[in-house]
Amino acid sequence: MSHRTWTTLCERVQNLSDPIRHSVALGWSCVGLAGGGILALLPWLAAYKQLTPDDKLEFSWITPAIVVTTIAAGVLGAYSFWIGRIIGEDRQRHARQVLPGTGHQYT
C-alpha cells in the first residue's frame, strides 16, 4: 500500500469521528416547526373564540392539527438529536479503535 493511499485511508477514518450533520439538521428543523406551531396556536385560539358557532364547527379541526403537528415535530426533533448523539459516539469509538493501531506505520 502506498503512502498516499494510507494517508487517505487514515483521513477517512478520522472523518468518521465527525458528528452526523443530517440528524442535527433534521432536529433543528423540527424544533423550528414545533416553535412555529406554538406561535401559530396562540393567535388561532384568539381568532377561534370570535367565530360564529357554525364557523367554529367548520374550523374545529385546525386546533387539533396544530397541536398534533407541534407535538410530533417536538418528538421527532428530540429523537433526531438523540440518535445523532448515539451514532456520533459509536463512530468516534470505532475511529479510536482503528487509528491507534494503524497510525504508527507511516507516521
Protein backbone atom coordinates (compact mmCIF):
# COMPACT_ATOMS: atom_id res chain seq x y z
CA MET A 1 0.00 0.00 0.00
CA SER A 2 1.40 3.37 -0.98
CA HIS A 3 1.94 6.18 1.49
CA ARG A 4 -0.66 8.35 -0.27
CA THR A 5 -3.28 5.59 -0.12
CA TRP A 6 -2.51 5.03 3.53
CA THR A 7 -2.78 8.74 4.33
CA THR A 8 -6.12 8.95 2.50
CA LEU A 9 -7.41 5.94 4.43
CA CYS A 10 -6.32 7.44 7.75
CA GLU A 11 -8.03 10.74 6.89
CA ARG A 12 -11.25 8.93 6.04
CA VAL A 13 -11.19 7.03 9.31
CA GLN A 14 -10.53 10.27 11.21
CA ASN A 15 -13.53 11.84 9.46
CA LEU A 16 -15.68 9.11 10.98
CA SER A 17 -15.37 10.91 14.30
CA ASP A 18 -17.17 13.98 12.90
CA PRO A 19 -20.76 14.28 14.10
CA ILE A 20 -23.58 13.36 11.77
CA ARG A 21 -24.91 16.58 10.33
CA HIS A 22 -28.13 15.25 8.83
CA SER A 23 -29.73 14.24 12.10
CA VAL A 24 -28.79 17.55 13.72
CA ALA A 25 -30.23 19.49 10.77
CA LEU A 26 -33.44 17.45 10.99
CA GLY A 27 -33.57 18.04 14.73
CA TRP A 28 -33.26 21.82 14.38
CA SER A 29 -35.82 21.83 11.57
CA CYS A 30 -38.25 20.04 13.86
CA VAL A 31 -37.52 22.48 16.67
CA GLY A 32 -38.39 25.30 14.28
CA LEU A 33 -41.56 23.55 13.19
CA ALA A 34 -42.62 22.95 16.79
CA GLY A 35 -41.88 26.57 17.68
CA GLY A 36 -43.87 27.73 14.69
CA GLY A 37 -46.75 25.52 15.77
CA ILE A 38 -46.76 27.10 19.21
CA LEU A 39 -46.63 30.58 17.72
CA ALA A 40 -49.44 29.73 15.28
CA LEU A 41 -51.63 28.29 18.01
CA LEU A 42 -51.70 31.46 20.10
CA PRO A 43 -53.34 33.77 17.54
CA TRP A 44 -55.52 30.93 16.24
CA LEU A 45 -57.07 30.38 19.65
CA ALA A 46 -57.84 34.10 19.93
CA ALA A 47 -59.39 34.13 16.45
CA TYR A 48 -61.33 30.91 17.09
CA LYS A 49 -63.14 32.49 20.04
CA GLN A 50 -64.53 35.21 17.76
CA LEU A 51 -66.03 32.79 15.20
CA THR A 52 -69.73 32.09 14.93
CA PRO A 53 -70.96 28.68 16.14
CA ASP A 54 -71.30 27.41 12.56
CA ASP A 55 -67.79 28.56 11.71
CA LYS A 56 -66.44 27.00 14.90
CA LEU A 57 -67.85 23.67 13.79
CA GLU A 58 -66.35 24.06 10.33
CA PHE A 59 -62.88 25.00 11.62
CA SER A 60 -62.80 22.72 14.67
CA TRP A 61 -60.13 20.50 13.09
CA ILE A 62 -57.46 23.22 12.98
CA THR A 63 -56.60 23.32 16.69
CA PRO A 64 -56.01 19.54 16.98
CA ALA A 65 -54.00 19.59 13.75
CA ILE A 66 -51.70 22.33 15.07
CA VAL A 67 -51.30 20.56 18.43
CA VAL A 68 -50.57 17.15 16.88
CA THR A 69 -48.10 18.65 14.41
CA THR A 70 -46.34 20.57 17.17
CA ILE A 71 -46.04 17.51 19.41
CA ALA A 72 -44.92 15.26 16.55
CA ALA A 73 -42.26 17.78 15.50
CA GLY A 74 -41.02 18.05 19.08
CA VAL A 75 -40.79 14.27 19.48
CA LEU A 76 -39.10 13.81 16.11
CA GLY A 77 -36.65 16.60 16.90
CA ALA A 78 -35.73 15.07 20.25
CA TYR A 79 -35.33 11.66 18.61
CA SER A 80 -33.11 13.14 15.87
CA PHE A 81 -30.80 14.78 18.41
CA TRP A 82 -30.68 11.59 20.48
CA ILE A 83 -29.97 9.26 17.56
CA GLY A 84 -27.35 11.68 16.19
CA ARG A 85 -25.56 11.63 19.54
CA ILE A 86 -25.69 7.82 19.76
CA ILE A 87 -24.43 7.30 16.20
CA GLY A 88 -21.77 10.01 16.62
CA GLU A 89 -20.43 8.37 19.78
CA ASP A 90 -20.40 5.00 18.04
CA ARG A 91 -18.49 6.40 15.06
CA GLN A 92 -15.97 8.09 17.35
CA ARG A 93 -15.45 4.85 19.25
CA HIS A 94 -14.82 2.97 16.00
CA ALA A 95 -12.39 5.63 14.80
CA ARG A 96 -10.46 5.45 18.10
CA GLN A 97 -10.27 1.67 17.78
CA VAL A 98 -8.86 1.78 14.24
CA LEU A 99 -6.49 4.76 14.33
CA PRO A 100 -4.24 4.00 17.33
CA GLY A 101 -3.34 0.56 16.00
CA THR A 102 -2.50 1.75 12.50
CA GLY A 103 -1.11 5.24 12.93
CA HIS A 104 2.49 4.20 13.55
CA GLN A 105 3.21 2.51 10.23
CA TYR A 106 3.73 5.68 8.18
CA THR A 107 3.95 8.47 10.71
